[in-house]
Structures are given as C-alpha cells and as structure tokens.
PDB file of N, CA and C in Angstrom:
ATOM      1  N   MET A   1      13.258 -11.628  14.797  1.00  0.00           N
ATOM      2  CA  MET A   1      13.136 -12.324  13.830  1.00  0.00           C
ATOM      3  C   MET A   1      14.064 -11.794  12.671  1.00  0.00           C
ATOM      4  N   GLU A   2      14.813 -12.432  12.115  1.00  0.00           N
ATOM      5  CA  GLU A   2      15.903 -12.020  11.018  1.00  0.00           C
ATOM      6  C   GLU A   2      15.243 -11.792   9.505  1.00  0.00           C
ATOM      7  N   THR A   3      15.742 -11.240   8.792  1.00  0.00           N
ATOM      8  CA  THR A   3      15.233 -10.787   7.673  1.00  0.00           C
ATOM      9  C   THR A   3      16.208 -11.320   6.566  1.00  0.00           C
ATOM     10  N   LEU A   4      15.748 -11.805   5.535  1.00  0.00           N
ATOM     11  CA  LEU A   4      16.617 -12.223   4.497  1.00  0.00           C
ATOM     12  C   LEU A   4      15.857 -12.000   2.962  1.00  0.00           C
ATOM     13  N   TYR A   5      16.746 -11.611   2.024  1.00  0.00           N
ATOM     14  CA  TYR A   5      16.207 -11.262   0.741  1.00  0.00           C
ATOM     15  C   TYR A   5      16.063 -12.666  -0.025  1.00  0.00           C
ATOM     16  N   ASN A   6      15.041 -12.801  -0.873  1.00  0.00           N
ATOM     17  CA  ASN A   6      14.519 -14.010  -1.695  1.00  0.00           C
ATOM     18  C   ASN A   6      14.974 -13.571  -3.090  1.00  0.00           C
ATOM     19  N   ALA A   7      16.070 -14.495  -3.486  1.00  0.00           N
ATOM     20  CA  ALA A   7      16.877 -14.267  -4.574  1.00  0.00           C
ATOM     21  C   ALA A   7      15.674 -14.185  -5.862  1.00  0.00           C
ATOM     22  N   ASN A   8      14.885 -15.098  -5.834  1.00  0.00           N
ATOM     23  CA  ASN A   8      13.863 -15.477  -6.797  1.00  0.00           C
ATOM     24  C   ASN A   8      12.964 -13.878  -7.122  1.00  0.00           C
ATOM     25  N   ASN A   9      12.594 -13.343  -6.038  1.00  0.00           N
ATOM     26  CA  ASN A   9      11.532 -12.253  -6.288  1.00  0.00           C
ATOM     27  C   ASN A   9      11.993 -11.102  -5.485  1.00  0.00           C
ATOM     28  N   LEU A  10      13.234 -11.103  -4.691  1.00  0.00           N
ATOM     29  CA  LEU A  10      13.668  -9.827  -4.065  1.00  0.00           C
ATOM     30  C   LEU A  10      12.622  -9.617  -3.047  1.00  0.00           C
ATOM     31  N   THR A  11      11.790 -10.487  -2.282  1.00  0.00           N
ATOM     32  CA  THR A  11      11.076  -9.660  -1.275  1.00  0.00           C
ATOM     33  C   THR A  11      11.866  -9.816   0.083  1.00  0.00           C
ATOM     34  N   LEU A  12      11.445  -9.189   1.026  1.00  0.00           N
ATOM     35  CA  LEU A  12      12.227  -8.655   2.276  1.00  0.00           C
ATOM     36  C   LEU A  12      11.406  -9.160   3.288  1.00  0.00           C
ATOM     37  N   SER A  13      11.818 -10.004   4.333  1.00  0.00           N
ATOM     38  CA  SER A  13      10.959 -10.417   5.336  1.00  0.00           C
ATOM     39  C   SER A  13      11.341  -9.281   6.477  1.00  0.00           C
ATOM     40  N   THR A  14      10.652  -9.509   7.738  1.00  0.00           N
ATOM     41  CA  THR A  14      10.873  -8.044   8.809  1.00  0.00           C
ATOM     42  C   THR A  14      12.024  -8.321   9.733  1.00  0.00           C
ATOM     43  N   PHE A  15      12.699  -7.327   9.949  1.00  0.00           N
ATOM     44  CA  PHE A  15      13.785  -7.373  10.929  1.00  0.00           C
ATOM     45  C   PHE A  15      13.196  -6.714  12.156  1.00  0.00           C
ATOM     46  N   VAL A  16      13.733  -6.869  13.276  1.00  0.00           N
ATOM     47  CA  VAL A  16      13.263  -6.453  14.386  1.00  0.00           C
ATOM     48  C   VAL A  16      14.330  -5.664  15.196  1.00  0.00           C
ATOM     49  N   CYS A  17      13.927  -4.629  15.749  1.00  0.00           N
ATOM     50  CA  CYS A  17      14.793  -3.633  16.249  1.00  0.00           C
ATOM     51  C   CYS A  17      15.474  -4.356  17.534  1.00  0.00           C
ATOM     52  N   GLN A  18      16.948  -4.515  17.618  1.00  0.00           N
ATOM     53  CA  GLN A  18      17.764  -5.238  18.647  1.00  0.00           C
ATOM     54  C   GLN A  18      17.482  -4.406  20.266  1.00  0.00           C
ATOM     55  N   VAL A  19      17.064  -3.406  20.109  1.00  0.00           N
ATOM     56  CA  VAL A  19      16.962  -2.539  21.187  1.00  0.00           C
ATOM     57  C   VAL A  19      15.562  -2.506  21.857  1.00  0.00           C
ATOM     58  N   CYS A  20      14.431  -2.239  21.077  1.00  0.00           N
ATOM     59  CA  CYS A  20      13.167  -2.067  21.612  1.00  0.00           C
ATOM     60  C   CYS A  20      12.317  -3.180  21.058  1.00  0.00           C
ATOM     61  N   GLU A  21      12.712  -3.936  20.162  1.00  0.00           N
ATOM     62  CA  GLU A  21      11.953  -5.063  19.473  1.00  0.00           C
ATOM     63  C   GLU A  21      10.566  -4.540  18.360  1.00  0.00           C
ATOM     64  N   GLU A  22      10.948  -3.148  18.098  1.00  0.00           N
ATOM     65  CA  GLU A  22       9.807  -2.442  17.152  1.00  0.00           C
ATOM     66  C   GLU A  22      10.485  -3.041  15.837  1.00  0.00           C
ATOM     67  N   PRO A  23       9.721  -2.797  14.770  1.00  0.00           N
ATOM     68  CA  PRO A  23      10.241  -3.229  13.482  1.00  0.00           C
ATOM     69  C   PRO A  23      11.410  -2.382  13.121  1.00  0.00           C
ATOM     70  N   ALA A  24      12.555  -3.124  12.707  1.00  0.00           N
ATOM     71  CA  ALA A  24      13.732  -2.349  12.286  1.00  0.00           C
ATOM     72  C   ALA A  24      13.487  -1.809  10.986  1.00  0.00           C
ATOM     73  N   ARG A  25      14.443  -0.743  10.885  1.00  0.00           N
ATOM     74  CA  ARG A  25      14.208   0.194   9.615  1.00  0.00           C
ATOM     75  C   ARG A  25      15.866  -0.063   8.907  1.00  0.00           C
ATOM     76  N   GLY A  26      16.566  -0.690   9.282  1.00  0.00           N
ATOM     77  CA  GLY A  26      17.976  -0.559   8.690  1.00  0.00           C
ATOM     78  C   GLY A  26      19.128  -1.119   9.944  1.00  0.00           C
ATOM     79  N   PHE A  27      20.377  -1.321   9.412  1.00  0.00           N
ATOM     80  CA  PHE A  27      21.564  -1.740  10.114  1.00  0.00           C
ATOM     81  C   PHE A  27      22.116  -0.469  10.375  1.00  0.00           C
ATOM     82  N   HIS A  28      22.033  -0.152  11.866  1.00  0.00           N
ATOM     83  CA  HIS A  28      22.409   1.296  12.095  1.00  0.00           C
ATOM     84  C   HIS A  28      23.551   1.069  13.172  1.00  0.00           C
ATOM     85  N   PHE A  29      24.980   1.711  13.293  1.00  0.00           N
ATOM     86  CA  PHE A  29      25.769   1.548  14.228  1.00  0.00           C
ATOM     87  C   PHE A  29      25.937   0.143  14.952  1.00  0.00           C
ATOM     88  N   GLY A  30      26.244  -0.714  13.723  1.00  0.00           N
ATOM     89  CA  GLY A  30      26.407  -2.293  14.318  1.00  0.00           C
ATOM     90  C   GLY A  30      25.282  -2.930  14.763  1.00  0.00           C
ATOM     91  N   ALA A  31      24.071  -2.655  14.432  1.00  0.00           N
ATOM     92  CA  ALA A  31      22.704  -3.218  14.812  1.00  0.00           C
ATOM     93  C   ALA A  31      21.779  -3.048  14.167  1.00  0.00           C
ATOM     94  N   PHE A  32      20.783  -3.866  13.988  1.00  0.00           N
ATOM     95  CA  PHE A  32      19.290  -3.729  13.407  1.00  0.00           C
ATOM     96  C   PHE A  32      18.692  -2.924  14.363  1.00  0.00           C
ATOM     97  N   THR A  33      18.204  -1.657  14.060  1.00  0.00           N
ATOM     98  CA  THR A  33      17.367  -0.817  14.684  1.00  0.00           C
ATOM     99  C   THR A  33      16.371  -0.129  14.030  1.00  0.00           C
ATOM    100  N   CYS A  34      15.250   0.394  15.019  1.00  0.00           N
ATOM    101  CA  CYS A  34      14.252   1.096  14.400  1.00  0.00           C
ATOM    102  C   CYS A  34      14.751   2.620  14.011  1.00  0.00           C
ATOM    103  N   GLU A  35      14.011   3.507  13.456  1.00  0.00           N
ATOM    104  CA  GLU A  35      14.496   4.896  13.343  1.00  0.00           C
ATOM    105  C   GLU A  35      14.522   5.468  14.819  1.00  0.00           C
ATOM    106  N   GLY A  36      13.678   5.124  15.696  1.00  0.00           N
ATOM    107  CA  GLY A  36      13.767   5.854  17.148  1.00  0.00           C
ATOM    108  C   GLY A  36      14.993   5.404  17.815  1.00  0.00           C
ATOM    109  N   CYS A  37      15.350   4.236  17.724  1.00  0.00           N
ATOM    110  CA  CYS A  37      16.446   3.903  18.650  1.00  0.00           C
ATOM    111  C   CYS A  37      17.703   4.218  17.730  1.00  0.00           C
ATOM    112  N   LYS A  38      17.930   4.556  16.444  1.00  0.00           N
ATOM    113  CA  LYS A  38      18.678   4.978  15.718  1.00  0.00           C
ATOM    114  C   LYS A  38      19.247   6.295  16.190  1.00  0.00           C
ATOM    115  N   GLY A  39      18.319   7.250  16.435  1.00  0.00           N
ATOM    116  CA  GLY A  39      18.423   8.661  16.829  1.00  0.00           C
ATOM    117  C   GLY A  39      18.658   8.683  18.068  1.00  0.00           C
ATOM    118  N   LYS A  40      18.079   7.449  19.012  1.00  0.00           N
ATOM    119  CA  LYS A  40      18.160   7.812  20.533  1.00  0.00           C
ATOM    120  C   LYS A  40      17.238   8.980  21.001  1.00  0.00           C
ATOM    121  N   ASN A  41      16.254   9.043  20.356  1.00  0.00           N
ATOM    122  CA  ASN A  41      15.337  10.103  20.549  1.00  0.00           C
ATOM    123  C   ASN A  41      13.894   9.695  21.353  1.00  0.00           C
ATOM    124  N   ARG A  42      13.801   8.673  21.830  1.00  0.00           N
ATOM    125  CA  ARG A  42      12.913   8.235  22.724  1.00  0.00           C
ATOM    126  C   ARG A  42      12.747   9.020  23.928  1.00  0.00           C
ATOM    127  N   THR A  43      11.450   8.874  24.531  1.00  0.00           N
ATOM    128  CA  THR A  43      11.174   9.725  25.822  1.00  0.00           C
ATOM    129  C   THR A  43      11.728   9.175  27.043  1.00  0.00           C
ATOM    130  N   SER A  44      12.461   7.895  26.888  1.00  0.00           N
ATOM    131  CA  SER A  44      13.210   7.497  28.098  1.00  0.00           C
ATOM    132  C   SER A  44      14.427   8.076  28.620  1.00  0.00           C
ATOM    133  N   CYS A  45      14.937   7.890  29.622  1.00  0.00           N
ATOM    134  CA  CYS A  45      15.999   8.560  30.033  1.00  0.00           C
ATOM    135  C   CYS A  45      17.347   8.211  29.102  1.00  0.00           C
ATOM    136  N   LYS A  46      18.022   9.199  28.701  1.00  0.00           N
ATOM    137  CA  LYS A  46      19.007   9.345  27.704  1.00  0.00           C
ATOM    138  C   LYS A  46      20.265   8.233  27.952  1.00  0.00           C
ATOM    139  N   ALA A  47      20.394   7.998  29.321  1.00  0.00           N
ATOM    140  CA  ALA A  47      21.525   7.028  29.921  1.00  0.00           C
ATOM    141  C   ALA A  47      21.113   5.890  29.792  1.00  0.00           C
ATOM    142  N   CYS A  48      19.937   5.575  30.134  1.00  0.00           N
ATOM    143  CA  CYS A  48      19.313   4.072  29.978  1.00  0.00           C
ATOM    144  C   CYS A  48      19.321   3.923  28.398  1.00  0.00           C
ATOM    145  N   ARG A  49      18.780   4.573  27.680  1.00  0.00           N
ATOM    146  CA  ARG A  49      18.764   4.552  26.249  1.00  0.00           C
ATOM    147  C   ARG A  49      19.871   4.245  25.679  1.00  0.00           C
ATOM    148  N   TYR A  50      20.959   5.003  26.120  1.00  0.00           N
ATOM    149  CA  TYR A  50      22.189   4.698  25.168  1.00  0.00           C
ATOM    150  C   TYR A  50      22.784   3.438  25.862  1.00  0.00           C
ATOM    151  N   THR A  51      22.459   2.907  27.112  1.00  0.00           N
ATOM    152  CA  THR A  51      23.203   1.627  27.729  1.00  0.00           C
ATOM    153  C   THR A  51      22.341   0.443  26.983  1.00  0.00           C
ATOM    154  N   ALA A  52      20.898   0.644  26.667  1.00  0.00           N
ATOM    155  CA  ALA A  52      20.387  -0.361  26.011  1.00  0.00           C
ATOM    156  C   ALA A  52      20.854  -0.481  24.628  1.00  0.00           C
ATOM    157  N   CYS A  53      21.226   0.501  23.862  1.00  0.00           N
ATOM    158  CA  CYS A  53      21.750   0.545  22.570  1.00  0.00           C
ATOM    159  C   CYS A  53      22.970  -0.252  22.585  1.00  0.00           C
ATOM    160  N   LEU A  54      23.789  -0.176  23.565  1.00  0.00           N
ATOM    161  CA  LEU A  54      25.147  -0.724  23.507  1.00  0.00           C
ATOM    162  C   LEU A  54      25.143  -2.211  23.966  1.00  0.00           C
ATOM    163  N   ASP A  55      24.024  -2.263  24.911  1.00  0.00           N
ATOM    164  CA  ASP A  55      23.812  -3.694  25.189  1.00  0.00           C
ATOM    165  C   ASP A  55      23.236  -4.683  24.036  1.00  0.00           C
ATOM    166  N   ALA A  56      22.559  -3.864  22.997  1.00  0.00           N
ATOM    167  CA  ALA A  56      22.197  -4.623  21.678  1.00  0.00           C
ATOM    168  C   ALA A  56      23.000  -4.588  20.500  1.00  0.00           C
ATOM    169  N   GLY A  57      24.260  -4.140  20.938  1.00  0.00           N
ATOM    170  CA  GLY A  57      25.377  -4.409  19.912  1.00  0.00           C
ATOM    171  C   GLY A  57      25.891  -3.250  19.017  1.00  0.00           C
ATOM    172  N   MET A  58      25.152  -2.227  19.381  1.00  0.00           N
ATOM    173  CA  MET A  58      25.453  -0.826  18.664  1.00  0.00           C
ATOM    174  C   MET A  58      26.681  -0.191  19.263  1.00  0.00           C
ATOM    175  N   SER A  59      27.384   0.520  18.383  1.00  0.00           N
ATOM    176  CA  SER A  59      28.922   0.979  18.565  1.00  0.00           C
ATOM    177  C   SER A  59      28.897   2.538  18.028  1.00  0.00           C
ATOM    178  N   PRO A  60      29.297   3.290  18.971  1.00  0.00           N
ATOM    179  CA  PRO A  60      29.737   4.799  18.626  1.00  0.00           C
ATOM    180  C   PRO A  60      30.712   4.945  17.656  1.00  0.00           C
ATOM    181  N   GLN A  61      31.299   3.795  17.472  1.00  0.00           N
ATOM    182  CA  GLN A  61      32.656   4.171  16.479  1.00  0.00           C
ATOM    183  C   GLN A  61      32.153   3.633  15.061  1.00  0.00           C
ATOM    184  N   SER A  62      30.983   2.821  15.069  1.00  0.00           N
ATOM    185  CA  SER A  62      30.241   2.425  13.737  1.00  0.00           C
ATOM    186  C   SER A  62      29.629   3.345  12.959  1.00  0.00           C
ATOM    187  N   GLU A  63      29.559   3.163  11.497  1.00  0.00           N
ATOM    188  CA  GLU A  63      28.866   4.240  10.831  1.00  0.00           C
ATOM    189  C   GLU A  63      27.514   3.573  10.225  1.00  0.00           C
ATOM    190  N   PHE A  64      26.766   4.187   9.844  1.00  0.00           N
ATOM    191  CA  PHE A  64      25.341   3.851   9.227  1.00  0.00           C
ATOM    192  C   PHE A  64      25.869   2.996   8.080  1.00  0.00           C
ATOM    193  N   LEU A  65      25.127   1.737   7.981  1.00  0.00           N
ATOM    194  CA  LEU A  65      25.786   0.826   6.873  1.00  0.00           C
ATOM    195  C   LEU A  65      24.516   0.588   5.747  1.00  0.00           C
ATOM    196  N   ALA A  66      23.392   0.296   6.379  1.00  0.00           N
ATOM    197  CA  ALA A  66      22.416  -0.059   5.355  1.00  0.00           C
ATOM    198  C   ALA A  66      20.926   0.385   5.838  1.00  0.00           C
ATOM    199  N   SER A  67      19.946   0.377   4.758  1.00  0.00           N
ATOM    200  CA  SER A  67      18.660   0.887   5.142  1.00  0.00           C
ATOM    201  C   SER A  67      17.678  -0.261   4.486  1.00  0.00           C
ATOM    202  N   VAL A  68      16.493  -0.417   5.216  1.00  0.00           N
ATOM    203  CA  VAL A  68      15.692  -1.196   4.842  1.00  0.00           C
ATOM    204  C   VAL A  68      14.618  -0.389   4.167  1.00  0.00           C
ATOM    205  N   PRO A  69      14.156  -0.858   2.839  1.00  0.00           N
ATOM    206  CA  PRO A  69      13.169   0.138   2.092  1.00  0.00           C
ATOM    207  C   PRO A  69      11.712   0.018   2.767  1.00  0.00           C
TER     208      PRO A  69
END
C-alpha cells in the first residue's frame, strides 16, 4: 500500500515495508521499510535477510532519506 500526503490536512496513509510487508516507518536505503528491516536485526538468517532487502530495492550505497512520523 502506498502512502501519500493530503495537502488539505496533511494526513498520512500507511506505507508497507517492501521486505516483510509490516507497516513501514520510512524510506531507508532506497526502499520503504520498517525499523526491523532497516536495521536488518530480525531473527532470520542474516544472509537471507540481506538478500530479501536487496530484492526489495534497498541499496548498500544509499543513505537514510526520510522518516514517517
């Protein structure tokens, strides 16, 4: 689900993490992600998590760009 700001009242819809489909908290390393995927600190295999992040469009060369309140 994509999120857009409403210019009239500045409401925010819900973004979904492109890695695990949990609610996203911002645009991290080139993809909308939750805090867990941003830090890659889930309990799954680190190599598998890293691959999932790359598959979702995250980039190790990108920087943190924006956060959702």
